Protein backbone atom coordinates (compact mmCIF):
# COMPACT_ATOMS: atom_id res chain seq x y z
CA MET A 1 -159.81 -120.99 46.79
CA LYS A 2 -159.12 -124.68 47.39
CA ILE A 3 -161.05 -127.23 49.43
CA ARG A 4 -159.24 -130.39 50.44
CA TYR A 5 -160.64 -133.36 52.32
CA PHE A 6 -158.27 -135.85 53.93
CA ALA A 7 -160.29 -139.03 54.46
CA ASP A 8 -157.59 -140.73 56.52
CA THR A 9 -157.86 -138.04 59.22
CA ASP A 10 -161.43 -136.83 58.44
CA THR A 11 -160.08 -133.29 58.07
CA MET A 12 -161.32 -130.57 55.72
CA TYR A 13 -158.96 -127.73 54.80
CA ILE A 14 -160.46 -124.68 53.08
CA GLU A 15 -157.76 -122.36 51.71
CA PHE A 16 -158.88 -118.87 50.68
CA ASN A 17 -155.51 -117.56 49.53
CA GLU A 18 -151.84 -118.51 49.59
CA ARG A 19 -150.58 -115.85 52.00
CA PRO A 20 -148.12 -117.01 54.66
CA VAL A 21 -149.82 -118.09 57.88
CA VAL A 22 -148.44 -116.34 60.97
CA GLU A 23 -151.14 -117.22 63.50
CA THR A 24 -153.61 -120.04 64.07
CA ARG A 25 -156.62 -119.44 66.31
CA GLU A 26 -158.69 -122.23 67.80
CA ILE A 27 -162.40 -121.49 67.54
CA ASN A 28 -163.36 -124.76 69.22
CA GLU A 29 -161.77 -128.20 69.53
CA ASN A 30 -162.54 -129.01 65.87
CA THR A 31 -162.14 -125.67 64.09
CA LEU A 32 -158.96 -123.67 63.46
CA LEU A 33 -158.51 -120.36 61.65
CA ASP A 34 -155.21 -119.50 59.95
CA LEU A 35 -154.43 -115.78 59.67
CA ASP A 36 -151.76 -113.79 57.86
CA ALA A 37 -149.64 -110.97 59.32
CA ASP A 38 -152.49 -108.47 58.81
CA GLY A 39 -155.08 -110.69 60.50
CA VAL A 40 -156.67 -111.65 57.17
CA LEU A 41 -158.21 -115.13 57.02
CA VAL A 42 -156.03 -117.53 55.00
CA ALA A 43 -157.64 -120.90 55.75
CA ILE A 44 -160.04 -122.88 57.92
CA THR A 45 -159.37 -126.39 59.21
CA VAL A 46 -162.33 -128.54 60.29
CA GLU A 47 -161.51 -131.73 62.18
CA HIS A 48 -164.08 -134.56 62.22
CA ALA A 49 -165.49 -132.98 59.06
CA ALA A 50 -167.82 -135.84 58.14
CA GLY A 51 -169.86 -135.20 61.27
CA ALA A 52 -169.79 -131.41 60.93
CA THR A 53 -170.51 -131.08 57.19
CA ASP A 54 -172.34 -132.78 54.34
CA LEU A 55 -169.42 -134.14 52.35
CA SER A 56 -171.69 -135.73 49.73
CA GLU A 57 -172.27 -132.37 48.05
CA VAL A 58 -170.00 -129.40 47.52
CA SER A 59 -171.28 -126.47 45.49
CA LEU A 60 -170.37 -122.90 44.72
CA GLN A 61 -173.06 -120.34 44.11
CA GLN A 62 -172.05 -116.88 42.97
CA ILE A 63 -174.69 -114.22 43.58
CA VAL A 64 -174.39 -110.89 41.80
CA GLY A 65 -176.04 -108.15 43.80
CA GLN A 66 -177.05 -104.62 42.98
CA ARG A 67 -175.19 -101.73 44.49
CA VAL A 68 -177.21 -99.40 46.63
CA SER A 69 -176.62 -95.75 45.76
CA SER A 70 -176.86 -93.07 48.37
């Protein structure tokens, strides 16, 4: 996963994998989803990111959960 911020355009690009993008869906005027041929999410683009996110802090928290047995 890669997160890129382009200050000159105030755009954040969050890439989840490197699969080829075959479709881009507009969620709203500032948010785009890139999908692969199977409809799997490849990336998210956020325009005007400084207003939509807190760019001063980026963190990753991995939470290990317990499996529920049936």
